[in-house]
Amino acid sequence: MISKKDILDNGIPYISDLPENVEVTTRTGSSVSVQFIFNNSEDEQNIRLNSGDIGLQPFEMEYVQTIKGE
């Protein structure tokens, strides 16, 4: 099992208190970073990211785009 310490020590972003069945994936390019947030459950989910609070309906996906240098 991979520990939180292993994740942080290797520079992998860690989101605490992520609800069960919610997945966050980040894709990073030279000028843009995009976080995709997936609710893989049959229940509405609310999560807090650095960019703010996000509410997701069952099986909904949202994304947050960040332009580097802004």
N, C-alpha and C. Protein backbone atom coordinates (compact mmCIF):
# COMPACT_ATOMS: atom_id res chain seq x y z
N MET A 1 0.84 -1.18 0.00
CA MET A 1 0.00 0.00 0.00
C MET A 1 0.89 1.24 0.00
N ILE A 2 0.48 2.24 -0.76
CA ILE A 2 1.23 3.49 -0.83
C ILE A 2 0.68 4.43 0.25
N SER A 3 1.59 5.01 1.02
CA SER A 3 1.17 5.91 2.10
C SER A 3 1.08 7.36 1.62
N LYS A 4 0.41 8.19 2.38
CA LYS A 4 0.33 9.62 2.09
C LYS A 4 1.73 10.21 2.03
N LYS A 5 2.62 9.79 2.93
CA LYS A 5 4.00 10.29 2.95
C LYS A 5 4.71 9.95 1.65
N ASP A 6 4.55 8.71 1.15
CA ASP A 6 5.17 8.32 -0.11
C ASP A 6 4.68 9.20 -1.26
N ILE A 7 3.37 9.48 -1.25
CA ILE A 7 2.78 10.31 -2.31
C ILE A 7 3.40 11.71 -2.27
N LEU A 8 3.41 12.33 -1.09
CA LEU A 8 3.94 13.68 -0.96
C LEU A 8 5.43 13.74 -1.23
N ASP A 9 6.18 12.74 -0.77
CA ASP A 9 7.63 12.70 -0.98
C ASP A 9 8.00 12.62 -2.46
N ASN A 10 7.08 12.11 -3.29
CA ASN A 10 7.34 11.96 -4.71
C ASN A 10 6.70 13.05 -5.56
N GLY A 11 6.20 14.11 -4.91
CA GLY A 11 5.67 15.25 -5.64
C GLY A 11 4.31 15.02 -6.29
N ILE A 12 3.59 14.01 -5.83
CA ILE A 12 2.27 13.73 -6.38
C ILE A 12 1.25 14.53 -5.59
N PRO A 13 0.37 15.29 -6.26
CA PRO A 13 -0.63 16.06 -5.53
C PRO A 13 -1.53 15.15 -4.70
N TYR A 14 -1.83 15.58 -3.48
CA TYR A 14 -2.68 14.80 -2.57
C TYR A 14 -3.84 15.67 -2.11
N ILE A 15 -5.05 15.15 -2.21
CA ILE A 15 -6.24 15.87 -1.78
C ILE A 15 -6.81 15.13 -0.58
N SER A 16 -6.78 15.78 0.57
CA SER A 16 -7.29 15.14 1.78
C SER A 16 -8.82 15.20 1.79
N ASP A 17 -9.42 14.28 2.50
CA ASP A 17 -10.88 14.24 2.68
C ASP A 17 -11.65 14.10 1.38
N LEU A 18 -11.08 13.47 0.38
CA LEU A 18 -11.79 13.23 -0.87
C LEU A 18 -12.85 12.16 -0.61
N PRO A 19 -14.11 12.44 -0.96
CA PRO A 19 -15.16 11.44 -0.70
C PRO A 19 -14.91 10.13 -1.46
N GLU A 20 -15.42 9.06 -0.91
CA GLU A 20 -15.32 7.77 -1.56
C GLU A 20 -15.98 7.85 -2.94
N ASN A 21 -15.36 7.23 -3.91
CA ASN A 21 -15.85 7.18 -5.29
C ASN A 21 -15.74 8.51 -6.05
N VAL A 22 -14.94 9.44 -5.54
CA VAL A 22 -14.62 10.65 -6.28
C VAL A 22 -13.16 10.56 -6.68
N GLU A 23 -12.90 10.87 -7.94
CA GLU A 23 -11.56 10.74 -8.51
C GLU A 23 -11.12 12.09 -9.07
N VAL A 24 -9.88 12.46 -8.81
CA VAL A 24 -9.31 13.69 -9.36
C VAL A 24 -8.05 13.33 -10.13
N THR A 25 -8.00 13.74 -11.39
CA THR A 25 -6.85 13.48 -12.24
C THR A 25 -6.37 14.80 -12.80
N THR A 26 -5.06 15.00 -12.83
CA THR A 26 -4.49 16.25 -13.33
C THR A 26 -3.66 15.97 -14.57
N ARG A 27 -3.87 16.79 -15.57
CA ARG A 27 -3.06 16.75 -16.79
C ARG A 27 -2.37 18.11 -16.91
N THR A 28 -1.06 18.08 -17.16
CA THR A 28 -0.28 19.31 -17.18
C THR A 28 0.49 19.43 -18.49
N GLY A 29 0.36 20.59 -19.13
CA GLY A 29 1.12 20.90 -20.33
C GLY A 29 2.11 22.01 -20.02
N SER A 30 2.69 22.57 -21.06
CA SER A 30 3.70 23.61 -20.85
C SER A 30 3.11 24.91 -20.31
N SER A 31 1.84 25.20 -20.61
CA SER A 31 1.26 26.46 -20.15
C SER A 31 -0.06 26.30 -19.40
N VAL A 32 -0.61 25.09 -19.40
CA VAL A 32 -1.93 24.87 -18.80
C VAL A 32 -1.92 23.59 -17.97
N SER A 33 -2.65 23.66 -16.86
CA SER A 33 -2.88 22.48 -16.02
C SER A 33 -4.39 22.32 -15.88
N VAL A 34 -4.89 21.10 -16.05
CA VAL A 34 -6.32 20.85 -15.97
C VAL A 34 -6.57 19.71 -14.98
N GLN A 35 -7.46 19.98 -14.01
CA GLN A 35 -7.89 18.94 -13.08
C GLN A 35 -9.27 18.46 -13.52
N PHE A 36 -9.41 17.15 -13.68
CA PHE A 36 -10.70 16.54 -14.00
C PHE A 36 -11.21 15.89 -12.72
N ILE A 37 -12.45 16.20 -12.36
CA ILE A 37 -13.03 15.69 -11.13
C ILE A 37 -14.23 14.83 -11.51
N PHE A 38 -14.18 13.55 -11.13
CA PHE A 38 -15.22 12.59 -11.49
C PHE A 38 -15.96 12.12 -10.25
N ASN A 39 -17.27 12.14 -10.30
CA ASN A 39 -18.08 11.53 -9.26
C ASN A 39 -18.54 10.18 -9.79
N ASN A 40 -17.95 9.12 -9.30
CA ASN A 40 -18.26 7.77 -9.75
C ASN A 40 -19.28 7.08 -8.85
N SER A 41 -20.14 7.86 -8.21
CA SER A 41 -21.13 7.27 -7.30
C SER A 41 -22.55 7.67 -7.72
N GLU A 42 -23.51 7.05 -7.08
CA GLU A 42 -24.91 7.34 -7.33
C GLU A 42 -25.43 8.48 -6.45
N ASP A 43 -24.53 9.10 -5.68
CA ASP A 43 -24.90 10.16 -4.76
C ASP A 43 -24.26 11.48 -5.16
N GLU A 44 -24.92 12.59 -4.84
CA GLU A 44 -24.32 13.91 -5.03
C GLU A 44 -23.11 14.03 -4.10
N GLN A 45 -22.03 14.63 -4.59
CA GLN A 45 -20.81 14.78 -3.80
C GLN A 45 -20.38 16.24 -3.81
N ASN A 46 -19.85 16.72 -2.71
CA ASN A 46 -19.28 18.06 -2.60
C ASN A 46 -17.84 17.93 -2.14
N ILE A 47 -16.95 18.58 -2.88
CA ILE A 47 -15.54 18.52 -2.51
C ILE A 47 -14.96 19.92 -2.51
N ARG A 48 -13.87 20.09 -1.79
CA ARG A 48 -13.16 21.37 -1.72
C ARG A 48 -11.77 21.18 -2.31
N LEU A 49 -11.49 21.96 -3.34
CA LEU A 49 -10.17 21.99 -3.96
C LEU A 49 -9.56 23.36 -3.72
N ASN A 50 -8.30 23.53 -4.08
CA ASN A 50 -7.66 24.84 -3.95
C ASN A 50 -8.42 25.90 -4.74
N SER A 51 -9.06 25.48 -5.82
CA SER A 51 -9.79 26.42 -6.68
C SER A 51 -11.18 26.75 -6.14
N GLY A 52 -11.63 26.06 -5.10
CA GLY A 52 -12.93 26.33 -4.51
C GLY A 52 -13.75 25.07 -4.32
N ASP A 53 -15.00 25.26 -3.92
CA ASP A 53 -15.91 24.14 -3.68
C ASP A 53 -16.57 23.71 -4.99
N ILE A 54 -16.72 22.41 -5.15
CA ILE A 54 -17.35 21.86 -6.35
C ILE A 54 -18.41 20.86 -5.93
N GLY A 55 -19.61 21.00 -6.47
CA GLY A 55 -20.68 20.05 -6.25
C GLY A 55 -20.88 19.23 -7.51
N LEU A 56 -20.95 17.93 -7.34
CA LEU A 56 -21.11 17.02 -8.48
C LEU A 56 -22.34 16.16 -8.30
N GLN A 57 -23.15 16.09 -9.34
CA GLN A 57 -24.29 15.19 -9.36
C GLN A 57 -23.78 13.76 -9.60
N PRO A 58 -24.62 12.75 -9.38
CA PRO A 58 -24.18 11.37 -9.63
C PRO A 58 -23.60 11.21 -11.04
N PHE A 59 -22.43 10.61 -11.11
CA PHE A 59 -21.71 10.30 -12.35
C PHE A 59 -21.37 11.54 -13.19
N GLU A 60 -21.31 12.70 -12.56
CA GLU A 60 -20.96 13.93 -13.26
C GLU A 60 -19.45 14.14 -13.23
N MET A 61 -18.95 14.87 -14.23
CA MET A 61 -17.55 15.23 -14.32
C MET A 61 -17.45 16.73 -14.50
N GLU A 62 -16.52 17.36 -13.81
CA GLU A 62 -16.21 18.79 -13.98
C GLU A 62 -14.71 18.90 -14.21
N TYR A 63 -14.29 20.06 -14.69
CA TYR A 63 -12.85 20.30 -14.81
C TYR A 63 -12.52 21.72 -14.37
N VAL A 64 -11.29 21.89 -13.94
CA VAL A 64 -10.78 23.19 -13.53
C VAL A 64 -9.47 23.40 -14.29
N GLN A 65 -9.42 24.48 -15.06
CA GLN A 65 -8.22 24.79 -15.86
C GLN A 65 -7.44 25.92 -15.20
N THR A 66 -6.14 25.75 -15.12
CA THR A 66 -5.26 26.77 -14.56
C THR A 66 -4.20 27.12 -15.59
N ILE A 67 -4.09 28.41 -15.91
CA ILE A 67 -3.05 28.88 -16.82
C ILE A 67 -1.80 29.15 -15.98
N LYS A 68 -0.70 28.55 -16.33
CA LYS A 68 0.54 28.74 -15.57
C LYS A 68 1.01 30.19 -15.67
N GLY A 69 1.47 30.71 -14.55
CA GLY A 69 1.97 32.07 -14.50
C GLY A 69 0.91 33.10 -14.13
N GLU A 70 -0.33 32.65 -13.94
CA GLU A 70 -1.39 33.58 -13.53
C GLU A 70 -1.66 33.46 -12.06
